[in-house]
Amino acid sequence: MHDLPDRTRCRSSGTLPSVQRSKPCRSSDQRNLVWSDNGASVVAQNFLDTRTVDITIDSVALGHTASARIILPNRFGRQAGASWPVLYLLHGGYGSYVDWTKNSDIAGLVRERDVLVVMPDGWSLGFYTDWWARGGRKPGWETFHLVELVQILERGLHAADRRAIAGLSMGGFGAVSYAGRRPGFFRAVASFSGTLDTLHPTVEPISPGPYATWLLQAHNPADLLQNLRGTKLFVSCGDGQVGPLDPPGTDPRQHRRPVRGRTGPAEPGVLRARHTPWTRPHLRDLPRLALVAVLGT
């Protein structure tokens, strides 16, 4: 653990860096808490280094706590009152909020950038959706990400409304679905090997029953493309065949056919490969493309 400034040593005060006070942090000090409109709040934070912090949010939408890893802007703390563009990175199925820092060079990419990078938890198979359970809409991952987390970032870290979002696999679906369901909310969207037509006959349902079918249709990127006019969109996918990046002896029967048709106003990127996203050397293109879109450089 790095020797951090005093302002970073409070782990459970429910504060965020920009609203820290000079006095010692105490969990009972309610004045420093950062809340969303529905009452979700930051209950813990842990700095991994001077710019990387994990926060834990007691989420009303989820009914439990969830975490997000945040990389702070390069000049954060040196420009009081400044607002910062935001890049959201969504993980894939059976992943977690640590995946992007663990498996990509996102930290190096933004080392000298003034952008907030936010990598939230999306559960192992949460599919970035508000689900129905026992008569209620929990766990509400969409509400957690696009309402609770966004408001907490705006109030605690001065997040601006200049936003980009990217994801891989399940996160690629989530990125395009979120942008389609919230027109104009994101300036740029990037998907790496995401399912962009959940009702395509080659796509296996993630849950049986008519409700799951209706829910995925309501979140289906292919049916939301008209809402992405004016949004920069990048889509990268495999072509379902064994390629040069696959290990020797790869069984082609393990491949999934790519989703074709209704791709909308996207810049395509087609790779001959199977679906093993974190092994791809060009994975760094996703956050780089989104950064260029949100920052303009």
C-alpha atoms as a PDB file:
ATOM      1  CA  MET A   1       0.000   0.000   0.000  1.00  0.00           C
ATOM      2  CA  HIS A   2       1.363   3.400  -0.957  1.00  0.00           C
ATOM      3  CA  ASP A   3       1.968   6.097   1.638  1.00  0.00           C
ATOM      4  CA  LEU A   4      -0.974   8.328   0.718  1.00  0.00           C
ATOM      5  CA  PRO A   5      -1.840  11.875   1.719  1.00  0.00           C
ATOM      6  CA  ASP A   6      -4.028  12.205   4.797  1.00  0.00           C
ATOM      7  CA  ARG A   7      -7.090  12.901   2.673  1.00  0.00           C
ATOM      8  CA  THR A   8      -6.967   9.378   1.240  1.00  0.00           C
ATOM      9  CA  ARG A   9      -6.689   7.386   4.439  1.00  0.00           C
ATOM     10  CA  CYS A  10     -10.331   7.366   5.451  1.00  0.00           C
ATOM     11  CA  ARG A  11     -11.740   4.001   4.410  1.00  0.00           C
ATOM     12  CA  SER A  12     -15.262   3.947   5.813  1.00  0.00           C
ATOM     13  CA  SER A  13     -16.473   7.503   6.202  1.00  0.00           C
ATOM     14  CA  GLY A  14     -18.704   7.380   3.152  1.00  0.00           C
ATOM     15  CA  THR A  15     -16.886  10.345   1.661  1.00  0.00           C
ATOM     16  CA  LEU A  16     -15.381  10.952  -1.741  1.00  0.00           C
ATOM     17  CA  PRO A  17     -12.078  12.760  -2.258  1.00  0.00           C
ATOM     18  CA  SER A  18     -13.482  16.111  -3.355  1.00  0.00           C
ATOM     19  CA  VAL A  19     -15.695  16.430  -0.286  1.00  0.00           C
ATOM     20  CA  GLN A  20     -13.151  15.338   2.302  1.00  0.00           C
ATOM     21  CA  ARG A  21     -12.565  17.650   5.275  1.00  0.00           C
ATOM     22  CA  SER A  22      -9.196  18.291   6.892  1.00  0.00           C
ATOM     23  CA  LYS A  23     -10.313  16.809  10.199  1.00  0.00           C
ATOM     24  CA  PRO A  24     -10.052  13.046  10.829  1.00  0.00           C
ATOM     25  CA  CYS A  25     -12.724  10.925   9.129  1.00  0.00           C
ATOM     26  CA  ARG A  26     -15.370   9.281  11.285  1.00  0.00           C
ATOM     27  CA  SER A  27     -18.073   6.924  10.068  1.00  0.00           C
ATOM     28  CA  SER A  28     -20.600   8.739  12.261  1.00  0.00           C
ATOM     29  CA  ASP A  29     -19.965  12.083  10.542  1.00  0.00           C
ATOM     30  CA  GLN A  30     -23.061  12.289   8.360  1.00  0.00           C
ATOM     31  CA  ARG A  31     -22.254  15.711   6.889  1.00  0.00           C
ATOM     32  CA  ASN A  32     -19.664  14.271   4.505  1.00  0.00           C
ATOM     33  CA  LEU A  33     -21.817  11.490   3.105  1.00  0.00           C
ATOM     34  CA  VAL A  34     -22.517  11.470  -0.630  1.00  0.00           C
ATOM     35  CA  TRP A  35     -26.069  10.468  -1.507  1.00  0.00           C
ATOM     36  CA  SER A  36     -28.195   9.869  -4.571  1.00  0.00           C
ATOM     37  CA  ASP A  37     -31.772  11.110  -4.725  1.00  0.00           C
ATOM     38  CA  ASN A  38     -33.183   7.722  -3.724  1.00  0.00           C
ATOM     39  CA  GLY A  39     -30.927   7.416  -0.663  1.00  0.00           C
ATOM     40  CA  ALA A  40     -28.087   5.265  -2.012  1.00  0.00           C
ATOM     41  CA  SER A  41     -24.823   6.342  -0.397  1.00  0.00           C
ATOM     42  CA  VAL A  42     -21.098   5.710  -0.305  1.00  0.00           C
ATOM     43  CA  VAL A  43     -20.324   3.636   2.786  1.00  0.00           C
ATOM     44  CA  ALA A  44     -16.629   2.836   2.207  1.00  0.00           C
ATOM     45  CA  GLN A  45     -13.656   3.819   0.121  1.00  0.00           C
ATOM     46  CA  ASN A  46     -10.191   2.355  -0.247  1.00  0.00           C
ATOM     47  CA  PHE A  47      -7.351   4.063  -2.121  1.00  0.00           C
ATOM     48  CA  LEU A  48      -5.079   1.655  -3.990  1.00  0.00           C
ATOM     49  CA  ASP A  49      -2.751   4.485  -5.016  1.00  0.00           C
ATOM     50  CA  THR A  50      -2.955   8.272  -5.253  1.00  0.00           C
ATOM     51  CA  ARG A  51      -5.388   8.110  -8.185  1.00  0.00           C
ATOM     52  CA  THR A  52      -7.161   4.759  -7.934  1.00  0.00           C
ATOM     53  CA  VAL A  53      -9.940   4.304  -5.404  1.00  0.00           C
ATOM     54  CA  ASP A  54     -12.514   1.571  -4.785  1.00  0.00           C
ATOM     55  CA  ILE A  55     -15.827   2.798  -3.415  1.00  0.00           C
ATOM     56  CA  THR A  56     -18.650   0.775  -1.921  1.00  0.00           C
ATOM     57  CA  ILE A  57     -22.219   1.999  -2.341  1.00  0.00           C
ATOM     58  CA  ASP A  58     -25.187   0.917  -0.254  1.00  0.00           C
ATOM     59  CA  SER A  59     -27.605   0.689  -3.184  1.00  0.00           C
ATOM     60  CA  VAL A  60     -31.350   1.081  -2.808  1.00  0.00           C
ATOM     61  CA  ALA A  61     -31.886  -0.178  -6.359  1.00  0.00           C
ATOM     62  CA  LEU A  62     -29.935  -3.373  -5.735  1.00  0.00           C
ATOM     63  CA  GLY A  63     -30.974  -3.993  -2.161  1.00  0.00           C
ATOM     64  CA  HIS A  64     -27.339  -4.579  -1.180  1.00  0.00           C
ATOM     65  CA  THR A  65     -23.900  -3.008  -1.500  1.00  0.00           C
ATOM     66  CA  ALA A  66     -21.888  -2.898  -4.710  1.00  0.00           C
ATOM     67  CA  SER A  67     -18.471  -1.548  -5.625  1.00  0.00           C
ATOM     68  CA  ALA A  68     -16.872   0.573  -8.324  1.00  0.00           C
ATOM     69  CA  ARG A  69     -13.227   1.209  -9.106  1.00  0.00           C
ATOM     70  CA  ILE A  70     -12.417   4.802 -10.085  1.00  0.00           C
ATOM     71  CA  ILE A  71      -9.297   6.304 -11.633  1.00  0.00           C
ATOM     72  CA  LEU A  72      -9.164  10.012 -10.832  1.00  0.00           C
ATOM     73  CA  PRO A  73      -8.185  12.673 -13.396  1.00  0.00           C
ATOM     74  CA  ASN A  74      -4.512  13.599 -13.641  1.00  0.00           C
ATOM     75  CA  ARG A  75      -5.044  17.093 -12.218  1.00  0.00           C
ATOM     76  CA  PHE A  76      -7.730  16.099  -9.740  1.00  0.00           C
ATOM     77  CA  GLY A  77      -7.228  18.015  -6.509  1.00  0.00           C
ATOM     78  CA  ARG A  78      -5.218  20.751  -8.207  1.00  0.00           C
ATOM     79  CA  GLN A  79      -8.191  22.375  -9.904  1.00  0.00           C
ATOM     80  CA  ALA A  80     -10.823  23.140  -7.297  1.00  0.00           C
ATOM     81  CA  GLY A  81     -14.329  23.266  -8.694  1.00  0.00           C
ATOM     82  CA  ALA A  82     -13.409  21.735 -12.054  1.00  0.00           C
ATOM     83  CA  SER A  83     -15.743  19.202 -13.622  1.00  0.00           C
ATOM     84  CA  TRP A  84     -14.428  16.116 -15.359  1.00  0.00           C
ATOM     85  CA  PRO A  85     -15.509  14.026 -18.367  1.00  0.00           C
ATOM     86  CA  VAL A  86     -16.317  10.428 -17.545  1.00  0.00           C
ATOM     87  CA  LEU A  87     -15.466   7.119 -19.210  1.00  0.00           C
ATOM     88  CA  TYR A  88     -17.499   4.145 -17.986  1.00  0.00           C
ATOM     89  CA  LEU A  89     -16.030   0.666 -18.564  1.00  0.00           C
ATOM     90  CA  LEU A  90     -18.344  -2.324 -18.124  1.00  0.00           C
ATOM     91  CA  HIS A  91     -17.050  -5.829 -17.449  1.00  0.00           C
ATOM     92  CA  GLY A  92     -18.201  -9.066 -19.024  1.00  0.00           C
ATOM     93  CA  GLY A  93     -20.080 -12.066 -17.688  1.00  0.00           C
ATOM     94  CA  TYR A  94     -18.669 -13.700 -14.556  1.00  0.00           C
ATOM     95  CA  GLY A  95     -16.366 -10.690 -14.201  1.00  0.00           C
ATOM     96  CA  SER A  96     -16.116  -7.888 -11.677  1.00  0.00           C
ATOM     97  CA  TYR A  97     -15.264  -4.223 -11.259  1.00  0.00           C
ATOM     98  CA  VAL A  98     -11.521  -4.993 -11.082  1.00  0.00           C
ATOM     99  CA  ASP A  99     -11.345  -6.606 -14.537  1.00  0.00           C
ATOM    100  CA  TRP A 100     -10.365  -3.554 -16.555  1.00  0.00           C
ATOM    101  CA  THR A 101      -7.428  -2.554 -14.357  1.00  0.00           C
ATOM    102  CA  LYS A 102      -6.357  -6.181 -14.047  1.00  0.00           C
ATOM    103  CA  ASN A 103      -6.540  -7.135 -17.718  1.00  0.00           C
ATOM    104  CA  SER A 104      -6.050  -3.948 -19.741  1.00  0.00           C
ATOM    105  CA  ASP A 105      -3.710  -0.965 -19.795  1.00  0.00           C
ATOM    106  CA  ILE A 106      -6.398   1.541 -18.899  1.00  0.00           C
ATOM    107  CA  ALA A 107      -4.323   2.959 -16.017  1.00  0.00           C
ATOM    108  CA  GLY A 108      -1.389   3.688 -18.324  1.00  0.00           C
ATOM    109  CA  LEU A 109      -3.658   5.056 -21.021  1.00  0.00           C
ATOM    110  CA  VAL A 110      -5.116   7.732 -18.741  1.00  0.00           C
ATOM    111  CA  ARG A 111      -1.953   8.459 -16.751  1.00  0.00           C
ATOM    112  CA  GLU A 112      -1.794  12.006 -18.110  1.00  0.00           C
ATOM    113  CA  ARG A 113      -5.487  12.414 -18.930  1.00  0.00           C
ATOM    114  CA  ASP A 114      -8.011  14.569 -17.134  1.00  0.00           C
ATOM    115  CA  VAL A 115     -10.861  12.078 -17.202  1.00  0.00           C
ATOM    116  CA  LEU A 116     -12.728  10.095 -14.578  1.00  0.00           C
ATOM    117  CA  VAL A 117     -12.616   6.385 -15.393  1.00  0.00           C
ATOM    118  CA  VAL A 118     -15.411   4.503 -13.657  1.00  0.00           C
ATOM    119  CA  MET A 119     -15.543   0.686 -13.596  1.00  0.00           C
ATOM    120  CA  PRO A 120     -18.650  -0.467 -11.703  1.00  0.00           C
ATOM    121  CA  ASP A 121     -19.674  -3.904 -10.590  1.00  0.00           C
ATOM    122  CA  GLY A 122     -22.367  -5.487 -12.762  1.00  0.00           C
ATOM    123  CA  TRP A 123     -22.636  -8.860 -11.023  1.00  0.00           C
ATOM    124  CA  SER A 124     -21.656 -12.112 -12.689  1.00  0.00           C
ATOM    125  CA  LEU A 125     -24.695 -12.180 -14.996  1.00  0.00           C
ATOM    126  CA  GLY A 126     -26.549  -8.970 -14.155  1.00  0.00           C
ATOM    127  CA  PHE A 127     -26.827  -8.018 -17.850  1.00  0.00           C
ATOM    128  CA  TYR A 128     -27.097  -4.330 -16.981  1.00  0.00           C
ATOM    129  CA  THR A 129     -30.820  -4.545 -16.421  1.00  0.00           C
ATOM    130  CA  ASP A 130     -33.414  -3.872 -13.724  1.00  0.00           C
ATOM    131  CA  TRP A 131     -34.723  -7.376 -13.071  1.00  0.00           C
ATOM    132  CA  TRP A 132     -38.053  -8.520 -11.688  1.00  0.00           C
ATOM    133  CA  ALA A 133     -37.969 -10.617  -8.524  1.00  0.00           C
ATOM    134  CA  ARG A 134     -40.692 -11.387  -5.999  1.00  0.00           C
ATOM    135  CA  GLY A 135     -42.897  -8.624  -7.312  1.00  0.00           C
ATOM    136  CA  GLY A 136     -40.198  -5.919  -7.243  1.00  0.00           C
ATOM    137  CA  ARG A 137     -37.553  -4.668  -9.670  1.00  0.00           C
ATOM    138  CA  LYS A 138     -34.443  -5.852  -7.850  1.00  0.00           C
ATOM    139  CA  PRO A 139     -31.631  -6.203  -8.464  1.00  0.00           C
ATOM    140  CA  GLY A 140     -31.840  -2.943 -10.418  1.00  0.00           C
ATOM    141  CA  TRP A 141     -28.464  -2.750 -12.136  1.00  0.00           C
ATOM    142  CA  GLU A 142     -29.545  -0.140 -14.669  1.00  0.00           C
ATOM    143  CA  THR A 143     -30.827   2.156 -11.918  1.00  0.00           C
ATOM    144  CA  PHE A 144     -27.684   1.578  -9.877  1.00  0.00           C
ATOM    145  CA  HIS A 145     -25.405   2.517 -12.765  1.00  0.00           C
ATOM    146  CA  LEU A 146     -27.328   5.298 -14.513  1.00  0.00           C
ATOM    147  CA  VAL A 147     -29.032   6.977 -11.545  1.00  0.00           C
ATOM    148  CA  GLU A 148     -27.402   6.213  -8.202  1.00  0.00           C
ATOM    149  CA  LEU A 149     -23.783   5.996  -9.336  1.00  0.00           C
ATOM    150  CA  VAL A 150     -24.079   8.919 -11.761  1.00  0.00           C
ATOM    151  CA  GLN A 151     -25.548  11.220  -9.088  1.00  0.00           C
ATOM    152  CA  ILE A 152     -22.922  10.189  -6.541  1.00  0.00           C
ATOM    153  CA  LEU A 153     -20.141  10.902  -9.038  1.00  0.00           C
ATOM    154  CA  GLU A 154     -21.614  14.276  -9.943  1.00  0.00           C
ATOM    155  CA  ARG A 155     -21.981  15.328  -6.309  1.00  0.00           C
ATOM    156  CA  GLY A 156     -18.822  13.802  -4.910  1.00  0.00           C
ATOM    157  CA  LEU A 157     -16.326  14.071  -7.770  1.00  0.00           C
ATOM    158  CA  HIS A 158     -17.784  16.805 -10.000  1.00  0.00           C
ATOM    159  CA  ALA A 159     -18.421  14.412 -12.876  1.00  0.00           C
ATOM    160  CA  ALA A 160     -19.518  16.302 -15.993  1.00  0.00           C
ATOM    161  CA  ASP A 161     -22.183  15.341 -18.506  1.00  0.00           C
ATOM    162  CA  ARG A 162     -19.493  14.538 -21.100  1.00  0.00           C
ATOM    163  CA  ARG A 163     -19.723  10.760 -20.958  1.00  0.00           C
ATOM    164  CA  ALA A 164     -18.522   7.782 -22.957  1.00  0.00           C
ATOM    165  CA  ILE A 165     -19.148   4.111 -22.245  1.00  0.00           C
ATOM    166  CA  ALA A 166     -17.437   0.919 -23.397  1.00  0.00           C
ATOM    167  CA  GLY A 167     -17.661  -2.740 -22.496  1.00  0.00           C
ATOM    168  CA  LEU A 168     -16.834  -6.237 -23.594  1.00  0.00           C
ATOM    169  CA  SER A 169     -19.036  -9.294 -23.933  1.00  0.00           C
ATOM    170  CA  MET A 170     -21.909  -8.754 -21.484  1.00  0.00           C
ATOM    171  CA  GLY A 171     -20.510  -5.274 -20.932  1.00  0.00           C
ATOM    172  CA  GLY A 172     -20.573  -4.571 -24.679  1.00  0.00           C
ATOM    173  CA  PHE A 173     -24.266  -5.384 -24.676  1.00  0.00           C
ATOM    174  CA  GLY A 174     -24.732  -3.197 -21.613  1.00  0.00           C
ATOM    175  CA  ALA A 175     -22.878  -0.232 -23.106  1.00  0.00           C
ATOM    176  CA  VAL A 176     -24.946  -0.105 -26.308  1.00  0.00           C
ATOM    177  CA  SER A 177     -28.182  -0.940 -24.495  1.00  0.00           C
ATOM    178  CA  TYR A 178     -27.660   1.820 -21.932  1.00  0.00           C
ATOM    179  CA  ALA A 179     -26.893   4.350 -24.660  1.00  0.00           C
ATOM    180  CA  GLY A 180     -29.954   3.288 -26.641  1.00  0.00           C
ATOM    181  CA  ARG A 181     -32.245   3.490 -23.646  1.00  0.00           C
ATOM    182  CA  ARG A 182     -30.870   6.915 -22.655  1.00  0.00           C
ATOM    183  CA  PRO A 183     -30.573   8.906 -25.906  1.00  0.00           C
ATOM    184  CA  GLY A 184     -27.949  11.630 -25.649  1.00  0.00           C
ATOM    185  CA  PHE A 185     -26.692  10.465 -22.260  1.00  0.00           C
ATOM    186  CA  PHE A 186     -23.404   9.206 -23.742  1.00  0.00           C
ATOM    187  CA  ARG A 187     -21.410  10.918 -26.480  1.00  0.00           C
ATOM    188  CA  ALA A 188     -19.663   7.742 -27.553  1.00  0.00           C
ATOM    189  CA  VAL A 189     -20.215   3.995 -27.184  1.00  0.00           C
ATOM    190  CA  ALA A 190     -17.894   1.067 -27.867  1.00  0.00           C
ATOM    191  CA  SER A 191     -18.683  -2.656 -27.776  1.00  0.00           C
ATOM    192  CA  PHE A 192     -16.153  -5.482 -27.937  1.00  0.00           C
ATOM    193  CA  SER A 193     -17.716  -8.872 -28.672  1.00  0.00           C
ATOM    194  CA  GLY A 194     -21.056  -7.837 -27.198  1.00  0.00           C
ATOM    195  CA  THR A 195     -24.426  -9.369 -28.060  1.00  0.00           C
ATOM    196  CA  LEU A 196     -26.140  -6.610 -30.009  1.00  0.00           C
ATOM    197  CA  ASP A 197     -29.248  -8.514 -31.071  1.00  0.00           C
ATOM    198  CA  THR A 198     -30.590 -10.470 -28.114  1.00  0.00           C
ATOM    199  CA  LEU A 199     -33.469 -11.900 -30.170  1.00  0.00           C
ATOM    200  CA  HIS A 200     -31.337 -13.222 -33.012  1.00  0.00           C
ATOM    201  CA  PRO A 201     -31.949 -16.992 -33.513  1.00  0.00           C
ATOM    202  CA  THR A 202     -28.270 -17.778 -32.907  1.00  0.00           C
ATOM    203  CA  VAL A 203     -28.290 -16.115 -29.469  1.00  0.00           C
ATOM    204  CA  GLU A 204     -28.933 -18.399 -26.517  1.00  0.00           C
ATOM    205  CA  PRO A 205     -31.439 -16.949 -23.990  1.00  0.00           C
ATOM    206  CA  ILE A 206     -29.892 -16.041 -20.659  1.00  0.00           C
ATOM    207  CA  SER A 207     -33.094 -16.957 -18.822  1.00  0.00           C
ATOM    208  CA  PRO A 208     -36.200 -18.915 -19.864  1.00  0.00           C
ATOM    209  CA  GLY A 209     -39.735 -17.582 -19.858  1.00  0.00           C
ATOM    210  CA  PRO A 210     -41.761 -14.794 -21.478  1.00  0.00           C
ATOM    211  CA  TYR A 211     -40.646 -12.117 -19.008  1.00  0.00           C
ATOM    212  CA  ALA A 212     -36.978 -12.600 -19.856  1.00  0.00           C
ATOM    213  CA  THR A 213     -37.849 -12.411 -23.573  1.00  0.00           C
ATOM    214  CA  TRP A 214     -39.798  -9.175 -23.099  1.00  0.00           C
ATOM    215  CA  LEU A 215     -37.071  -7.699 -20.908  1.00  0.00           C
ATOM    216  CA  LEU A 216     -34.289  -8.437 -23.356  1.00  0.00           C
ATOM    217  CA  GLN A 217     -36.371  -7.057 -26.215  1.00  0.00           C
ATOM    218  CA  ALA A 218     -36.796  -3.820 -24.261  1.00  0.00           C
ATOM    219  CA  HIS A 219     -33.000  -3.698 -23.853  1.00  0.00           C
ATOM    220  CA  ASN A 220     -32.103  -5.109 -27.269  1.00  0.00           C
ATOM    221  CA  PRO A 221     -29.460  -2.861 -28.886  1.00  0.00           C
ATOM    222  CA  ALA A 222     -30.670  -3.792 -32.383  1.00  0.00           C
ATOM    223  CA  ASP A 223     -34.108  -2.400 -31.562  1.00  0.00           C
ATOM    224  CA  LEU A 224     -32.689   0.792 -30.032  1.00  0.00           C
ATOM    225  CA  LEU A 225     -30.414   1.912 -32.840  1.00  0.00           C
ATOM    226  CA  GLN A 226     -32.665   4.775 -33.865  1.00  0.00           C
ATOM    227  CA  ASN A 227     -31.891   6.323 -30.463  1.00  0.00           C
ATOM    228  CA  LEU A 228     -28.160   6.416 -31.227  1.00  0.00           C
ATOM    229  CA  ARG A 229     -28.295   9.054 -33.943  1.00  0.00           C
ATOM    230  CA  GLY A 230     -25.569  11.585 -33.215  1.00  0.00           C
ATOM    231  CA  THR A 231     -23.733   9.148 -30.909  1.00  0.00           C
ATOM    232  CA  LYS A 232     -20.327   7.828 -31.945  1.00  0.00           C
ATOM    233  CA  LEU A 233     -20.535   4.034 -32.053  1.00  0.00           C
ATOM    234  CA  PHE A 234     -17.768   1.458 -32.441  1.00  0.00           C
ATOM    235  CA  VAL A 235     -18.513  -2.258 -32.683  1.00  0.00           C
ATOM    236  CA  SER A 236     -15.923  -5.045 -32.776  1.00  0.00           C
ATOM    237  CA  CYS A 237     -16.748  -8.744 -33.014  1.00  0.00           C
ATOM    238  CA  GLY A 238     -15.384 -12.092 -34.097  1.00  0.00           C
ATOM    239  CA  ASP A 239     -16.545 -13.753 -37.303  1.00  0.00           C
ATOM    240  CA  GLY A 240     -17.097 -17.147 -35.700  1.00  0.00           C
ATOM    241  CA  GLN A 241     -14.105 -18.873 -37.291  1.00  0.00           C
ATOM    242  CA  VAL A 242     -10.774 -20.012 -35.917  1.00  0.00           C
ATOM    243  CA  GLY A 243      -8.255 -17.206 -36.345  1.00  0.00           C
ATOM    244  CA  PRO A 244      -4.534 -16.549 -35.886  1.00  0.00           C
ATOM    245  CA  LEU A 245      -4.985 -15.326 -32.314  1.00  0.00           C
ATOM    246  CA  ASP A 246      -6.672 -18.551 -31.193  1.00  0.00           C
ATOM    247  CA  PRO A 247      -4.540 -21.203 -29.480  1.00  0.00           C
ATOM    248  CA  PRO A 248      -3.579 -24.335 -31.455  1.00  0.00           C
ATOM    249  CA  GLY A 249      -6.231 -27.027 -31.413  1.00  0.00           C
ATOM    250  CA  THR A 250      -9.168 -24.653 -30.913  1.00  0.00           C
ATOM    251  CA  ASP A 251     -12.431 -26.460 -31.575  1.00  0.00           C
ATOM    252  CA  PRO A 252     -14.467 -24.458 -34.124  1.00  0.00           C
ATOM    253  CA  ARG A 253     -17.643 -25.921 -32.623  1.00  0.00           C
ATOM    254  CA  GLN A 254     -17.076 -23.670 -29.622  1.00  0.00           C
ATOM    255  CA  HIS A 255     -17.642 -20.590 -31.744  1.00  0.00           C
ATOM    256  CA  ARG A 256     -20.779 -18.513 -31.881  1.00  0.00           C
ATOM    257  CA  ARG A 257     -22.011 -17.052 -35.141  1.00  0.00           C
ATOM    258  CA  PRO A 258     -21.728 -13.262 -35.107  1.00  0.00           C
ATOM    259  CA  VAL A 259     -24.816 -11.119 -35.025  1.00  0.00           C
ATOM    260  CA  ARG A 260     -25.436  -9.790 -38.533  1.00  0.00           C
ATOM    261  CA  GLY A 261     -27.787  -7.162 -39.981  1.00  0.00           C
ATOM    262  CA  ARG A 262     -29.172  -4.065 -38.219  1.00  0.00           C
ATOM    263  CA  THR A 263     -25.775  -2.820 -37.127  1.00  0.00           C
ATOM    264  CA  GLY A 264     -26.756   0.829 -37.487  1.00  0.00           C
ATOM    265  CA  PRO A 265     -24.391   3.810 -37.651  1.00  0.00           C
ATOM    266  CA  ALA A 266     -21.380   1.899 -36.396  1.00  0.00           C
ATOM    267  CA  GLU A 267     -17.723   1.733 -37.280  1.00  0.00           C
ATOM    268  CA  PRO A 268     -17.214  -2.037 -37.625  1.00  0.00           C
ATOM    269  CA  GLY A 269     -14.239  -4.060 -36.550  1.00  0.00           C
ATOM    270  CA  VAL A 270     -14.354  -7.755 -37.504  1.00  0.00           C
ATOM    271  CA  LEU A 271     -11.761 -10.178 -36.165  1.00  0.00           C
ATOM    272  CA  ARG A 272     -11.359 -13.817 -37.125  1.00  0.00           C
ATOM    273  CA  ALA A 273     -11.382 -15.307 -33.652  1.00  0.00           C
ATOM    274  CA  ARG A 274     -13.466 -17.021 -30.993  1.00  0.00           C
ATOM    275  CA  HIS A 275     -15.044 -15.319 -27.993  1.00  0.00           C
ATOM    276  CA  THR A 276     -12.177 -14.959 -25.503  1.00  0.00           C
ATOM    277  CA  PRO A 277     -12.055 -11.168 -25.123  1.00  0.00           C
ATOM    278  CA  TRP A 278      -9.357 -10.652 -22.503  1.00  0.00           C
ATOM    279  CA  THR A 279      -6.792 -12.517 -24.637  1.00  0.00           C
ATOM    280  CA  ARG A 280      -7.073 -10.015 -27.485  1.00  0.00           C
ATOM    281  CA  PRO A 281      -4.053  -7.713 -27.859  1.00  0.00           C
ATOM    282  CA  HIS A 282      -6.173  -4.909 -29.356  1.00  0.00           C
ATOM    283  CA  LEU A 283      -8.499  -4.753 -26.338  1.00  0.00           C
ATOM    284  CA  ARG A 284      -6.859  -1.419 -25.456  1.00  0.00           C
ATOM    285  CA  ASP A 285      -8.575   0.037 -28.549  1.00  0.00           C
ATOM    286  CA  LEU A 286     -11.880   0.118 -26.687  1.00  0.00           C
ATOM    287  CA  PRO A 287     -10.969   2.615 -23.953  1.00  0.00           C
ATOM    288  CA  ARG A 288      -8.751   4.559 -26.367  1.00  0.00           C
ATOM    289  CA  LEU A 289     -11.573   5.051 -28.864  1.00  0.00           C
ATOM    290  CA  ALA A 290     -13.979   6.095 -26.134  1.00  0.00           C
ATOM    291  CA  LEU A 291     -11.412   8.502 -24.691  1.00  0.00           C
ATOM    292  CA  VAL A 292     -10.911  10.176 -28.058  1.00  0.00           C
ATOM    293  CA  ALA A 293     -14.655  10.555 -28.437  1.00  0.00           C
ATOM    294  CA  VAL A 294     -15.270  12.067 -25.011  1.00  0.00           C
ATOM    295  CA  LEU A 295     -12.121  14.235 -24.835  1.00  0.00           C
ATOM    296  CA  GLY A 296     -11.720  15.064 -28.506  1.00  0.00           C
ATOM    297  CA  THR A 297      -8.029  14.137 -28.446  1.00  0.00           C
END
